[in-house]
Amino acid sequence: MDNNVKVLVITGDGVNCERETARAFELCGATSTIKHVNDLDEERNILENFDILALPGGFSFGDELGSGKVFSLKLE
């Protein structure tokens, strides 16, 4: 991977593996930045600074019915 590639790794309530995801990209030569999902609202143009958007796994907002929907609404 080209070392000029910039990766934005999203974290938030219930999301885990964000550090491992960032490290995996770094091992491939990319530069990784971890940001909370709420930062996307505060910094509207943040995605323009990155080449890749990574959404790590985990149980968003706990392992409850509809938790994925809640997380996706934050990404709207």
PDB file of N, CA and C in Angstrom:
ATOM      1  N   MET A   1       0.851  -1.174   0.000  1.00  0.00           N
ATOM      2  CA  MET A   1       0.000   0.000   0.000  1.00  0.00           C
ATOM      3  C   MET A   1       0.898   1.238   0.000  1.00  0.00           C
ATOM      4  N   ASP A   2       0.520   2.222  -0.752  1.00  0.00           N
ATOM      5  CA  ASP A   2       1.254   3.484  -0.829  1.00  0.00           C
ATOM      6  C   ASP A   2       1.222   4.182   0.532  1.00  0.00           C
ATOM      7  N   ASN A   3       2.373   4.681   1.005  1.00  0.00           N
ATOM      8  CA  ASN A   3       2.399   5.310   2.323  1.00  0.00           C
ATOM      9  C   ASN A   3       1.707   6.663   2.355  1.00  0.00           C
ATOM     10  N   ASN A   4       1.196   7.131   1.234  1.00  0.00           N
ATOM     11  CA  ASN A   4       0.419   8.370   1.218  1.00  0.00           C
ATOM     12  C   ASN A   4      -1.065   8.125   1.461  1.00  0.00           C
ATOM     13  N   VAL A   5      -1.447   6.854   1.595  1.00  0.00           N
ATOM     14  CA  VAL A   5      -2.851   6.513   1.827  1.00  0.00           C
ATOM     15  C   VAL A   5      -3.207   6.844   3.265  1.00  0.00           C
ATOM     16  N   LYS A   6      -4.310   7.583   3.437  1.00  0.00           N
ATOM     17  CA  LYS A   6      -4.774   7.987   4.762  1.00  0.00           C
ATOM     18  C   LYS A   6      -6.084   7.275   5.064  1.00  0.00           C
ATOM     19  N   VAL A   7      -6.139   6.655   6.235  1.00  0.00           N
ATOM     20  CA  VAL A   7      -7.302   5.865   6.644  1.00  0.00           C
ATOM     21  C   VAL A   7      -7.952   6.511   7.860  1.00  0.00           C
ATOM     22  N   LEU A   8      -9.267   6.678   7.797  1.00  0.00           N
ATOM     23  CA  LEU A   8     -10.047   7.146   8.937  1.00  0.00           C
ATOM     24  C   LEU A   8     -10.775   5.938   9.516  1.00  0.00           C
ATOM     25  N   VAL A   9     -10.449   5.616  10.756  1.00  0.00           N
ATOM     26  CA  VAL A   9     -11.074   4.491  11.456  1.00  0.00           C
ATOM     27  C   VAL A   9     -12.078   5.074  12.447  1.00  0.00           C
ATOM     28  N   ILE A  10     -13.323   4.655  12.319  1.00  0.00           N
ATOM     29  CA  ILE A  10     -14.397   5.176  13.172  1.00  0.00           C
ATOM     30  C   ILE A  10     -14.543   4.336  14.431  1.00  0.00           C
ATOM     31  N   THR A  11     -14.702   5.008  15.559  1.00  0.00           N
ATOM     32  CA  THR A  11     -14.988   4.343  16.815  1.00  0.00           C
ATOM     33  C   THR A  11     -16.263   4.947  17.405  1.00  0.00           C
ATOM     34  N   GLY A  12     -16.779   4.352  18.439  1.00  0.00           N
ATOM     35  CA  GLY A  12     -17.998   4.841  19.082  1.00  0.00           C
ATOM     36  C   GLY A  12     -18.446   3.848  20.131  1.00  0.00           C
ATOM     37  N   ASP A  13     -19.573   4.114  20.733  1.00  0.00           N
ATOM     38  CA  ASP A  13     -20.110   3.245  21.778  1.00  0.00           C
ATOM     39  C   ASP A  13     -20.303   1.831  21.236  1.00  0.00           C
ATOM     40  N   GLY A  14     -19.659   0.878  21.883  1.00  0.00           N
ATOM     41  CA  GLY A  14     -19.829  -0.513  21.512  1.00  0.00           C
ATOM     42  C   GLY A  14     -18.937  -0.989  20.382  1.00  0.00           C
ATOM     43  N   VAL A  15     -18.279  -0.086  19.692  1.00  0.00           N
ATOM     44  CA  VAL A  15     -17.371  -0.484  18.614  1.00  0.00           C
ATOM     45  C   VAL A  15     -16.061  -0.911  19.256  1.00  0.00           C
ATOM     46  N   ASN A  16     -15.537  -2.033  18.797  1.00  0.00           N
ATOM     47  CA  ASN A  16     -14.229  -2.424  19.300  1.00  0.00           C
ATOM     48  C   ASN A  16     -13.325  -2.773  18.127  1.00  0.00           C
ATOM     49  N   CYS A  17     -12.121  -3.054  18.373  1.00  0.00           N
ATOM     50  CA  CYS A  17     -11.115  -3.388  17.372  1.00  0.00           C
ATOM     51  C   CYS A  17     -10.657  -2.182  16.552  1.00  0.00           C
ATOM     52  N   GLU A  18     -10.949  -0.962  17.007  1.00  0.00           N
ATOM     53  CA  GLU A  18     -10.506   0.194  16.231  1.00  0.00           C
ATOM     54  C   GLU A  18      -8.985   0.316  16.230  1.00  0.00           C
ATOM     55  N   ARG A  19      -8.342   0.007  17.347  1.00  0.00           N
ATOM     56  CA  ARG A  19      -6.872   0.081  17.389  1.00  0.00           C
ATOM     57  C   ARG A  19      -6.241  -0.999  16.517  1.00  0.00           C
ATOM     58  N   GLU A  20      -6.822  -2.204  16.558  1.00  0.00           N
ATOM     59  CA  GLU A  20      -6.305  -3.288  15.733  1.00  0.00           C
ATOM     60  C   GLU A  20      -6.498  -2.994  14.251  1.00  0.00           C
ATOM     61  N   THR A  21      -7.639  -2.393  13.904  1.00  0.00           N
ATOM     62  CA  THR A  21      -7.912  -2.036  12.511  1.00  0.00           C
ATOM     63  C   THR A  21      -6.919  -0.981  12.029  1.00  0.00           C
ATOM     64  N   ALA A  22      -6.710   0.042  12.853  1.00  0.00           N
ATOM     65  CA  ALA A  22      -5.750   1.094  12.499  1.00  0.00           C
ATOM     66  C   ALA A  22      -4.358   0.506  12.331  1.00  0.00           C
ATOM     67  N   ARG A  23      -3.970  -0.370  13.226  1.00  0.00           N
ATOM     68  CA  ARG A  23      -2.637  -0.983  13.162  1.00  0.00           C
ATOM     69  C   ARG A  23      -2.477  -1.838  11.906  1.00  0.00           C
ATOM     70  N   ALA A  24      -3.521  -2.570  11.515  1.00  0.00           N
ATOM     71  CA  ALA A  24      -3.453  -3.398  10.307  1.00  0.00           C
ATOM     72  C   ALA A  24      -3.181  -2.536   9.081  1.00  0.00           C
ATOM     73  N   PHE A  25      -3.848  -1.394   8.986  1.00  0.00           N
ATOM     74  CA  PHE A  25      -3.589  -0.476   7.873  1.00  0.00           C
ATOM     75  C   PHE A  25      -2.169   0.075   7.937  1.00  0.00           C
ATOM     76  N   GLU A  26      -1.699   0.386   9.141  1.00  0.00           N
ATOM     77  CA  GLU A  26      -0.341   0.909   9.289  1.00  0.00           C
ATOM     78  C   GLU A  26       0.701  -0.124   8.886  1.00  0.00           C
ATOM     79  N   LEU A  27       0.448  -1.394   9.183  1.00  0.00           N
ATOM     80  CA  LEU A  27       1.363  -2.458   8.784  1.00  0.00           C
ATOM     81  C   LEU A  27       1.445  -2.585   7.260  1.00  0.00           C
ATOM     82  N   CYS A  28       0.415  -2.109   6.576  1.00  0.00           N
ATOM     83  CA  CYS A  28       0.406  -2.100   5.109  1.00  0.00           C
ATOM     84  C   CYS A  28       1.008  -0.817   4.552  1.00  0.00           C
ATOM     85  N   GLY A  29       1.397   0.103   5.435  1.00  0.00           N
ATOM     86  CA  GLY A  29       2.048   1.325   4.996  1.00  0.00           C
ATOM     87  C   GLY A  29       1.182   2.566   4.989  1.00  0.00           C
ATOM     88  N   ALA A  30      -0.059   2.460   5.417  1.00  0.00           N
ATOM     89  CA  ALA A  30      -0.961   3.620   5.435  1.00  0.00           C
ATOM     90  C   ALA A  30      -0.786   4.408   6.735  1.00  0.00           C
ATOM     91  N   THR A  31      -1.358   5.587   6.763  1.00  0.00           N
ATOM     92  CA  THR A  31      -1.432   6.407   7.970  1.00  0.00           C
ATOM     93  C   THR A  31      -2.862   6.335   8.474  1.00  0.00           C
ATOM     94  N   SER A  32      -3.036   5.947   9.736  1.00  0.00           N
ATOM     95  CA  SER A  32      -4.378   5.770  10.300  1.00  0.00           C
ATOM     96  C   SER A  32      -4.688   6.828  11.346  1.00  0.00           C
ATOM     97  N   THR A  33      -5.936   7.257  11.363  1.00  0.00           N
ATOM     98  CA  THR A  33      -6.445   8.175  12.372  1.00  0.00           C
ATOM     99  C   THR A  33      -7.734   7.587  12.913  1.00  0.00           C
ATOM    100  N   ILE A  34      -7.867   7.539  14.229  1.00  0.00           N
ATOM    101  CA  ILE A  34      -9.088   7.037  14.866  1.00  0.00           C
ATOM    102  C   ILE A  34      -9.896   8.237  15.336  1.00  0.00           C
ATOM    103  N   LYS A  35     -11.158   8.280  14.940  1.00  0.00           N
ATOM    104  CA  LYS A  35     -12.064   9.365  15.353  1.00  0.00           C
ATOM    105  C   LYS A  35     -13.378   8.759  15.828  1.00  0.00           C
ATOM    106  N   HIS A  36     -14.005   9.424  16.782  1.00  0.00           N
ATOM    107  CA  HIS A  36     -15.325   9.014  17.266  1.00  0.00           C
ATOM    108  C   HIS A  36     -16.376   9.370  16.217  1.00  0.00           C
ATOM    109  N   VAL A  37     -17.412   8.575  16.134  1.00  0.00           N
ATOM    110  CA  VAL A  37     -18.471   8.809  15.155  1.00  0.00           C
ATOM    111  C   VAL A  37     -19.072  10.206  15.308  1.00  0.00           C
ATOM    112  N   ASN A  38     -19.121  10.742  16.523  1.00  0.00           N
ATOM    113  CA  ASN A  38     -19.666  12.083  16.741  1.00  0.00           C
ATOM    114  C   ASN A  38     -18.817  13.169  16.085  1.00  0.00           C
ATOM    115  N   ASP A  39     -17.536  12.879  15.864  1.00  0.00           N
ATOM    116  CA  ASP A  39     -16.660  13.854  15.209  1.00  0.00           C
ATOM    117  C   ASP A  39     -17.085  14.102  13.763  1.00  0.00           C
ATOM    118  N   LEU A  40     -17.779  13.153  13.163  1.00  0.00           N
ATOM    119  CA  LEU A  40     -18.240  13.333  11.785  1.00  0.00           C
ATOM    120  C   LEU A  40     -19.248  14.473  11.699  1.00  0.00           C
ATOM    121  N   ASP A  41     -20.046  14.647  12.749  1.00  0.00           N
ATOM    122  CA  ASP A  41     -21.003  15.763  12.785  1.00  0.00           C
ATOM    123  C   ASP A  41     -20.287  17.095  12.989  1.00  0.00           C
ATOM    124  N   GLU A  42     -19.298  17.086  13.858  1.00  0.00           N
ATOM    125  CA  GLU A  42     -18.596  18.317  14.213  1.00  0.00           C
ATOM    126  C   GLU A  42     -17.653  18.788  13.111  1.00  0.00           C
ATOM    127  N   GLU A  43     -17.090  17.842  12.380  1.00  0.00           N
ATOM    128  CA  GLU A  43     -16.146  18.164  11.311  1.00  0.00           C
ATOM    129  C   GLU A  43     -16.736  17.668   9.989  1.00  0.00           C
ATOM    130  N   ARG A  44     -17.660  18.401   9.436  1.00  0.00           N
ATOM    131  CA  ARG A  44     -18.442  17.979   8.269  1.00  0.00           C
ATOM    132  C   ARG A  44     -17.611  17.557   7.064  1.00  0.00           C
ATOM    133  N   ASN A  45     -16.466  18.156   6.846  1.00  0.00           N
ATOM    134  CA  ASN A  45     -15.653  17.855   5.664  1.00  0.00           C
ATOM    135  C   ASN A  45     -14.497  16.908   5.969  1.00  0.00           C
ATOM    136  N   ILE A  46     -14.545  16.250   7.112  1.00  0.00           N
ATOM    137  CA  ILE A  46     -13.428  15.415   7.540  1.00  0.00           C
ATOM    138  C   ILE A  46     -13.117  14.296   6.536  1.00  0.00           C
ATOM    139  N   LEU A  47     -14.131  13.738   5.908  1.00  0.00           N
ATOM    140  CA  LEU A  47     -13.912  12.620   4.990  1.00  0.00           C
ATOM    141  C   LEU A  47     -13.075  13.009   3.780  1.00  0.00           C
ATOM    142  N   GLU A  48     -13.070  14.280   3.438  1.00  0.00           N
ATOM    143  CA  GLU A  48     -12.288  14.747   2.294  1.00  0.00           C
ATOM    144  C   GLU A  48     -10.784  14.589   2.519  1.00  0.00           C
ATOM    145  N   ASN A  49     -10.370  14.430   3.765  1.00  0.00           N
ATOM    146  CA  ASN A  49      -8.952  14.314   4.099  1.00  0.00           C
ATOM    147  C   ASN A  49      -8.444  12.875   4.085  1.00  0.00           C
ATOM    148  N   PHE A  50      -9.326  11.913   3.777  1.00  0.00           N
ATOM    149  CA  PHE A  50      -8.955  10.504   3.855  1.00  0.00           C
ATOM    150  C   PHE A  50      -9.287   9.775   2.557  1.00  0.00           C
ATOM    151  N   ASP A  51      -8.529   8.700   2.334  1.00  0.00           N
ATOM    152  CA  ASP A  51      -8.737   7.861   1.157  1.00  0.00           C
ATOM    153  C   ASP A  51      -9.634   6.667   1.467  1.00  0.00           C
ATOM    154  N   ILE A  52      -9.595   6.217   2.724  1.00  0.00           N
ATOM    155  CA  ILE A  52     -10.345   5.026   3.138  1.00  0.00           C
ATOM    156  C   ILE A  52     -11.098   5.341   4.423  1.00  0.00           C
ATOM    157  N   LEU A  53     -12.348   4.890   4.495  1.00  0.00           N
ATOM    158  CA  LEU A  53     -13.153   4.959   5.718  1.00  0.00           C
ATOM    159  C   LEU A  53     -13.330   3.531   6.212  1.00  0.00           C
ATOM    160  N   ALA A  54     -12.842   3.239   7.423  1.00  0.00           N
ATOM    161  CA  ALA A  54     -12.931   1.895   7.993  1.00  0.00           C
ATOM    162  C   ALA A  54     -13.903   1.885   9.163  1.00  0.00           C
ATOM    163  N   LEU A  55     -14.830   0.934   9.134  1.00  0.00           N
ATOM    164  CA  LEU A  55     -15.804   0.759  10.207  1.00  0.00           C
ATOM    165  C   LEU A  55     -15.520  -0.576  10.892  1.00  0.00           C
ATOM    166  N   PRO A  56     -14.818  -0.568  12.029  1.00  0.00           N
ATOM    167  CA  PRO A  56     -14.480  -1.810  12.716  1.00  0.00           C
ATOM    168  C   PRO A  56     -15.722  -2.509  13.257  1.00  0.00           C
ATOM    169  N   GLY A  57     -15.540  -3.737  13.657  1.00  0.00           N
ATOM    170  CA  GLY A  57     -16.651  -4.523  14.199  1.00  0.00           C
ATOM    171  C   GLY A  57     -16.909  -4.220  15.659  1.00  0.00           C
ATOM    172  N   GLY A  58     -17.800  -4.997  16.207  1.00  0.00           N
ATOM    173  CA  GLY A  58     -18.167  -4.842  17.609  1.00  0.00           C
ATOM    174  C   GLY A  58     -19.672  -4.836  17.730  1.00  0.00           C
ATOM    175  N   PHE A  59     -20.132  -4.511  18.888  1.00  0.00           N
ATOM    176  CA  PHE A  59     -21.567  -4.418  19.141  1.00  0.00           C
ATOM    177  C   PHE A  59     -21.901  -2.950  19.353  1.00  0.00           C
ATOM    178  N   SER A  60     -22.374  -2.325  18.307  1.00  0.00           N
ATOM    179  CA  SER A  60     -22.682  -0.910  18.378  1.00  0.00           C
ATOM    180  C   SER A  60     -23.797  -0.651  19.379  1.00  0.00           C
ATOM    181  N   PHE A  61     -23.512   0.188  20.360  1.00  0.00           N
ATOM    182  CA  PHE A  61     -24.482   0.570  21.396  1.00  0.00           C
ATOM    183  C   PHE A  61     -24.982  -0.647  22.168  1.00  0.00           C
ATOM    184  N   GLY A  62     -24.135  -1.641  22.353  1.00  0.00           N
ATOM    185  CA  GLY A  62     -24.510  -2.846  23.080  1.00  0.00           C
ATOM    186  C   GLY A  62     -25.110  -3.871  22.143  1.00  0.00           C
ATOM    187  N   ASP A  63     -25.246  -5.067  22.604  1.00  0.00           N
ATOM    188  CA  ASP A  63     -25.772  -6.150  21.784  1.00  0.00           C
ATOM    189  C   ASP A  63     -27.291  -6.208  21.927  1.00  0.00           C
ATOM    190  N   GLU A  64     -27.964  -5.222  21.365  1.00  0.00           N
ATOM    191  CA  GLU A  64     -29.408  -5.137  21.503  1.00  0.00           C
ATOM    192  C   GLU A  64     -30.058  -4.977  20.144  1.00  0.00           C
ATOM    193  N   LEU A  65     -31.291  -5.374  20.058  1.00  0.00           N
ATOM    194  CA  LEU A  65     -32.044  -5.276  18.813  1.00  0.00           C
ATOM    195  C   LEU A  65     -32.055  -3.836  18.311  1.00  0.00           C
ATOM    196  N   GLY A  66     -31.659  -3.633  17.067  1.00  0.00           N
ATOM    197  CA  GLY A  66     -31.686  -2.309  16.474  1.00  0.00           C
ATOM    198  C   GLY A  66     -30.424  -1.495  16.685  1.00  0.00           C
ATOM    199  N   SER A  67     -29.416  -2.067  17.340  1.00  0.00           N
ATOM    200  CA  SER A  67     -28.210  -1.282  17.632  1.00  0.00           C
ATOM    201  C   SER A  67     -27.489  -0.855  16.367  1.00  0.00           C
ATOM    202  N   GLY A  68     -27.465  -1.706  15.358  1.00  0.00           N
ATOM    203  CA  GLY A  68     -26.839  -1.342  14.093  1.00  0.00           C
ATOM    204  C   GLY A  68     -27.543  -0.181  13.424  1.00  0.00           C
ATOM    205  N   LYS A  69     -28.857  -0.146  13.563  1.00  0.00           N
ATOM    206  CA  LYS A  69     -29.632   0.958  12.984  1.00  0.00           C
ATOM    207  C   LYS A  69     -29.289   2.283  13.673  1.00  0.00           C
ATOM    208  N   VAL A  70     -29.155   2.246  14.989  1.00  0.00           N
ATOM    209  CA  VAL A  70     -28.792   3.458  15.725  1.00  0.00           C
ATOM    210  C   VAL A  70     -27.446   3.988  15.239  1.00  0.00           C
ATOM    211  N   PHE A  71     -26.476   3.076  15.080  1.00  0.00           N
ATOM    212  CA  PHE A  71     -25.151   3.489  14.611  1.00  0.00           C
ATOM    213  C   PHE A  71     -25.235   4.050  13.190  1.00  0.00           C
ATOM    214  N   SER A  72     -26.022   3.417  12.338  1.00  0.00           N
ATOM    215  CA  SER A  72     -26.126   3.889  10.957  1.00  0.00           C
ATOM    216  C   SER A  72     -26.785   5.270  10.900  1.00  0.00           C
ATOM    217  N   LEU A  73     -27.711   5.554  11.783  1.00  0.00           N
ATOM    218  CA  LEU A  73     -28.335   6.866  11.819  1.00  0.00           C
ATOM    219  C   LEU A  73     -27.319   7.945  12.201  1.00  0.00           C
ATOM    220  N   LYS A  74     -26.357   7.586  13.045  1.00  0.00           N
ATOM    221  CA  LYS A  74     -25.295   8.543  13.390  1.00  0.00           C
ATOM    222  C   LYS A  74     -24.424   8.838  12.187  1.00  0.00           C
ATOM    223  N   LEU A  75     -24.339   7.890  11.248  1.00  0.00           N
ATOM    224  CA  LEU A  75     -23.499   8.075  10.065  1.00  0.00           C
ATOM    225  C   LEU A  75     -24.215   8.822   8.945  1.00  0.00           C
ATOM    226  N   GLU A  76     -25.514   9.021   9.055  1.00  0.00           N
ATOM    227  CA  GLU A  76     -26.289   9.705   7.996  1.00  0.00           C
ATOM    228  C   GLU A  76     -25.820  11.108   7.771  1.00  0.00           C
TER     229      GLU A  76
END
